[in-house]
Amino acid sequence: MPSTSPLDETELTEALLITKEFETNADFSCHIEAEAVTRNITIFEMLMEYCTESDIEPIAVAGLITKDLKEKIETEMQSLNLLKPKKVK
């Protein structure tokens, strides 16, 4: 009979790892924005660095980004000509 053991680190989901570090989406978004300012990089670059440093896929943090932060990322990308501006109808 196999023995039951605590979850291995590899069995933890990316979402669980993230939520252990941040209590809310707002906490995560504030952390990313503050780190971007501190490191003098774009918010998008900071998100990618966070994913790389935490060894997680970027899609895993998509649900943790607040609407306000998404809008800031969109504005950054438009100012860098990496995203077309939205057309106003």
N, C-alpha and C. Protein backbone atom coordinates (compact mmCIF):
# COMPACT_ATOMS: atom_id res chain seq x y z
N MET A 1 0.84 -1.17 0.00
CA MET A 1 0.00 0.00 0.00
C MET A 1 0.89 1.24 0.00
N PRO A 2 0.71 2.18 -0.96
CA PRO A 2 1.55 3.37 -1.00
C PRO A 2 1.26 4.28 0.18
N SER A 3 2.32 4.88 0.66
CA SER A 3 2.14 5.79 1.79
C SER A 3 1.66 7.14 1.28
N THR A 4 0.86 7.79 2.08
CA THR A 4 0.41 9.12 1.72
C THR A 4 1.42 10.12 2.23
N SER A 5 1.75 11.05 1.39
CA SER A 5 2.73 12.06 1.78
C SER A 5 2.19 13.42 1.41
N PRO A 6 2.75 14.46 2.01
CA PRO A 6 2.32 15.81 1.63
C PRO A 6 2.59 16.05 0.15
N LEU A 7 1.89 17.00 -0.41
CA LEU A 7 2.07 17.31 -1.83
C LEU A 7 3.52 17.67 -2.13
N ASP A 8 4.03 17.10 -3.19
CA ASP A 8 5.35 17.50 -3.66
C ASP A 8 5.24 18.90 -4.23
N GLU A 9 6.35 19.60 -4.25
CA GLU A 9 6.38 20.95 -4.81
C GLU A 9 5.93 20.95 -6.26
N THR A 10 6.25 19.90 -7.00
CA THR A 10 5.87 19.83 -8.41
C THR A 10 4.37 19.65 -8.60
N GLU A 11 3.67 19.18 -7.56
CA GLU A 11 2.24 18.96 -7.68
C GLU A 11 1.44 20.23 -7.42
N LEU A 12 2.08 21.25 -6.88
CA LEU A 12 1.36 22.48 -6.61
C LEU A 12 1.04 23.18 -7.91
N THR A 13 -0.16 23.71 -8.01
CA THR A 13 -0.53 24.41 -9.24
C THR A 13 0.07 25.80 -9.22
N GLU A 14 0.20 26.38 -10.41
CA GLU A 14 0.75 27.73 -10.51
C GLU A 14 -0.14 28.72 -9.76
N ALA A 15 -1.44 28.55 -9.87
CA ALA A 15 -2.36 29.47 -9.19
C ALA A 15 -2.18 29.41 -7.68
N LEU A 16 -1.98 28.23 -7.14
CA LEU A 16 -1.77 28.08 -5.71
C LEU A 16 -0.47 28.76 -5.29
N LEU A 17 0.57 28.60 -6.06
CA LEU A 17 1.84 29.24 -5.74
C LEU A 17 1.68 30.76 -5.72
N ILE A 18 0.95 31.29 -6.68
CA ILE A 18 0.75 32.72 -6.75
C ILE A 18 -0.10 33.21 -5.58
N THR A 19 -1.18 32.50 -5.29
CA THR A 19 -2.06 32.95 -4.22
C THR A 19 -1.43 32.80 -2.84
N LYS A 20 -0.40 32.00 -2.72
CA LYS A 20 0.32 31.92 -1.45
C LYS A 20 1.12 33.20 -1.23
N GLU A 21 1.52 33.85 -2.31
CA GLU A 21 2.32 35.06 -2.22
C GLU A 21 1.45 36.32 -2.14
N PHE A 22 0.29 36.30 -2.80
CA PHE A 22 -0.60 37.46 -2.85
C PHE A 22 -2.01 37.04 -2.45
N GLU A 23 -2.64 37.84 -1.61
CA GLU A 23 -3.98 37.50 -1.13
C GLU A 23 -5.07 37.83 -2.14
N THR A 24 -4.88 38.89 -2.91
CA THR A 24 -5.91 39.31 -3.85
C THR A 24 -5.30 39.68 -5.20
N ASN A 25 -6.16 39.82 -6.19
CA ASN A 25 -5.71 40.28 -7.51
C ASN A 25 -5.11 41.67 -7.39
N ALA A 26 -5.71 42.50 -6.55
CA ALA A 26 -5.21 43.87 -6.36
C ALA A 26 -3.80 43.85 -5.77
N ASP A 27 -3.53 42.94 -4.83
CA ASP A 27 -2.18 42.82 -4.26
C ASP A 27 -1.17 42.46 -5.34
N PHE A 28 -1.54 41.50 -6.18
CA PHE A 28 -0.65 41.07 -7.25
C PHE A 28 -0.39 42.22 -8.23
N SER A 29 -1.45 42.90 -8.65
CA SER A 29 -1.31 44.00 -9.60
C SER A 29 -0.50 45.15 -9.03
N CYS A 30 -0.71 45.47 -7.77
CA CYS A 30 0.06 46.53 -7.12
C CYS A 30 1.54 46.16 -7.05
N HIS A 31 1.82 44.91 -6.74
CA HIS A 31 3.20 44.44 -6.68
C HIS A 31 3.88 44.59 -8.04
N ILE A 32 3.20 44.15 -9.09
CA ILE A 32 3.76 44.21 -10.44
C ILE A 32 4.01 45.66 -10.84
N GLU A 33 3.04 46.53 -10.59
CA GLU A 33 3.19 47.94 -10.96
C GLU A 33 4.33 48.60 -10.19
N ALA A 34 4.40 48.35 -8.89
CA ALA A 34 5.45 48.95 -8.05
C ALA A 34 6.83 48.46 -8.48
N GLU A 35 6.94 47.18 -8.78
CA GLU A 35 8.23 46.63 -9.22
C GLU A 35 8.64 47.20 -10.57
N ALA A 36 7.68 47.42 -11.45
CA ALA A 36 7.98 48.01 -12.76
C ALA A 36 8.56 49.41 -12.58
N VAL A 37 7.98 50.18 -11.67
CA VAL A 37 8.48 51.54 -11.41
C VAL A 37 9.87 51.47 -10.80
N THR A 38 10.06 50.58 -9.83
CA THR A 38 11.35 50.43 -9.16
C THR A 38 12.44 50.03 -10.15
N ARG A 39 12.13 49.12 -11.05
CA ARG A 39 13.12 48.62 -12.01
C ARG A 39 13.21 49.48 -13.28
N ASN A 40 12.32 50.47 -13.37
CA ASN A 40 12.29 51.37 -14.53
C ASN A 40 12.06 50.61 -15.84
N ILE A 41 11.06 49.71 -15.81
CA ILE A 41 10.67 48.95 -17.00
C ILE A 41 9.16 49.04 -17.15
N THR A 42 8.65 48.58 -18.29
CA THR A 42 7.20 48.61 -18.49
C THR A 42 6.54 47.56 -17.61
N ILE A 43 5.25 47.75 -17.41
CA ILE A 43 4.48 46.78 -16.61
C ILE A 43 4.49 45.42 -17.30
N PHE A 44 4.35 45.44 -18.62
CA PHE A 44 4.38 44.18 -19.38
C PHE A 44 5.71 43.46 -19.18
N GLU A 45 6.81 44.20 -19.27
CA GLU A 45 8.13 43.59 -19.04
C GLU A 45 8.22 43.01 -17.64
N MET A 46 7.66 43.72 -16.66
CA MET A 46 7.69 43.23 -15.28
C MET A 46 6.88 41.95 -15.14
N LEU A 47 5.74 41.89 -15.80
CA LEU A 47 4.93 40.66 -15.77
C LEU A 47 5.73 39.48 -16.32
N MET A 48 6.42 39.72 -17.44
CA MET A 48 7.21 38.65 -18.04
C MET A 48 8.38 38.25 -17.13
N GLU A 49 9.01 39.24 -16.49
CA GLU A 49 10.10 38.93 -15.55
C GLU A 49 9.58 38.15 -14.36
N TYR A 50 8.41 38.55 -13.85
CA TYR A 50 7.82 37.83 -12.71
C TYR A 50 7.59 36.37 -13.08
N CYS A 51 7.03 36.14 -14.27
CA CYS A 51 6.76 34.77 -14.71
C CYS A 51 8.06 33.98 -14.86
N THR A 52 9.07 34.60 -15.42
CA THR A 52 10.37 33.94 -15.60
C THR A 52 11.00 33.62 -14.25
N GLU A 53 11.02 34.62 -13.36
CA GLU A 53 11.63 34.43 -12.04
C GLU A 53 10.87 33.40 -11.21
N SER A 54 9.55 33.31 -11.40
CA SER A 54 8.73 32.37 -10.64
C SER A 54 8.56 31.03 -11.35
N ASP A 55 9.13 30.94 -12.56
CA ASP A 55 9.05 29.72 -13.37
C ASP A 55 7.60 29.30 -13.59
N ILE A 56 6.78 30.25 -14.04
CA ILE A 56 5.39 29.97 -14.36
C ILE A 56 5.06 30.52 -15.74
N GLU A 57 4.02 29.99 -16.33
CA GLU A 57 3.58 30.44 -17.65
C GLU A 57 2.81 31.75 -17.50
N PRO A 58 2.98 32.68 -18.43
CA PRO A 58 2.26 33.96 -18.37
C PRO A 58 0.74 33.80 -18.29
N ILE A 59 0.20 32.78 -18.92
CA ILE A 59 -1.26 32.57 -18.88
C ILE A 59 -1.74 32.34 -17.45
N ALA A 60 -0.86 31.87 -16.58
CA ALA A 60 -1.24 31.59 -15.19
C ALA A 60 -1.54 32.88 -14.42
N VAL A 61 -0.97 34.01 -14.84
CA VAL A 61 -1.20 35.26 -14.11
C VAL A 61 -2.29 36.11 -14.75
N ALA A 62 -2.78 35.69 -15.92
CA ALA A 62 -3.78 36.49 -16.63
C ALA A 62 -4.99 36.83 -15.77
N GLY A 63 -5.47 35.88 -15.02
CA GLY A 63 -6.63 36.09 -14.16
C GLY A 63 -6.35 36.93 -12.94
N LEU A 64 -5.10 37.19 -12.65
CA LEU A 64 -4.73 37.97 -11.47
C LEU A 64 -4.54 39.46 -11.77
N ILE A 65 -4.59 39.81 -13.04
CA ILE A 65 -4.36 41.20 -13.42
C ILE A 65 -5.67 41.97 -13.34
N THR A 66 -5.67 43.05 -12.58
CA THR A 66 -6.89 43.85 -12.44
C THR A 66 -7.20 44.61 -13.73
N LYS A 67 -8.44 45.04 -13.85
CA LYS A 67 -8.88 45.80 -15.03
C LYS A 67 -8.03 47.07 -15.19
N ASP A 68 -7.75 47.73 -14.09
CA ASP A 68 -6.95 48.96 -14.11
C ASP A 68 -5.55 48.69 -14.65
N LEU A 69 -4.94 47.61 -14.21
CA LEU A 69 -3.59 47.27 -14.68
C LEU A 69 -3.62 46.88 -16.15
N LYS A 70 -4.66 46.16 -16.58
CA LYS A 70 -4.79 45.80 -18.00
C LYS A 70 -4.84 47.06 -18.86
N GLU A 71 -5.57 48.06 -18.39
CA GLU A 71 -5.68 49.32 -19.13
C GLU A 71 -4.32 50.03 -19.20
N LYS A 72 -3.56 49.98 -18.11
CA LYS A 72 -2.24 50.61 -18.11
C LYS A 72 -1.29 49.89 -19.07
N ILE A 73 -1.38 48.57 -19.11
CA ILE A 73 -0.56 47.79 -20.03
C ILE A 73 -0.94 48.14 -21.47
N GLU A 74 -2.22 48.22 -21.72
CA GLU A 74 -2.71 48.57 -23.06
C GLU A 74 -2.19 49.94 -23.48
N THR A 75 -2.23 50.92 -22.58
CA THR A 75 -1.74 52.27 -22.87
C THR A 75 -0.24 52.24 -23.15
N GLU A 76 0.51 51.49 -22.35
CA GLU A 76 1.96 51.35 -22.58
C GLU A 76 2.25 50.76 -23.96
N MET A 77 1.54 49.70 -24.29
CA MET A 77 1.78 49.03 -25.56
C MET A 77 1.41 49.93 -26.74
N GLN A 78 0.35 50.72 -26.59
CA GLN A 78 -0.02 51.67 -27.64
C GLN A 78 1.03 52.76 -27.80
N SER A 79 1.56 53.25 -26.70
CA SER A 79 2.57 54.31 -26.77
C SER A 79 3.87 53.80 -27.39
N LEU A 80 4.12 52.50 -27.30
CA LEU A 80 5.30 51.90 -27.91
C LEU A 80 5.02 51.37 -29.32
N ASN A 81 3.82 51.65 -29.81
CA ASN A 81 3.37 51.18 -31.13
C ASN A 81 3.40 49.67 -31.26
N LEU A 82 3.15 48.98 -30.16
CA LEU A 82 3.08 47.53 -30.18
C LEU A 82 1.64 47.04 -30.21
N LEU A 83 0.71 47.99 -30.06
CA LEU A 83 -0.72 47.68 -30.05
C LEU A 83 -1.44 48.85 -30.71
N LYS A 84 -2.35 48.53 -31.61
CA LYS A 84 -3.10 49.59 -32.27
C LYS A 84 -4.07 50.24 -31.28
N PRO A 85 -4.20 51.56 -31.35
CA PRO A 85 -5.18 52.22 -30.47
C PRO A 85 -6.59 51.77 -30.82
N LYS A 86 -7.45 51.75 -29.82
CA LYS A 86 -8.85 51.40 -30.05
C LYS A 86 -9.51 52.51 -30.83
N LYS A 87 -10.34 52.13 -31.77
CA LYS A 87 -11.07 53.12 -32.54
C LYS A 87 -12.32 53.53 -31.77
N VAL A 88 -12.53 54.82 -31.66
CA VAL A 88 -13.71 55.34 -30.97
C VAL A 88 -14.83 55.45 -31.99
N LYS A 89 -15.98 54.87 -31.66
CA LYS A 89 -17.11 54.91 -32.59
C LYS A 89 -17.99 56.10 -32.32
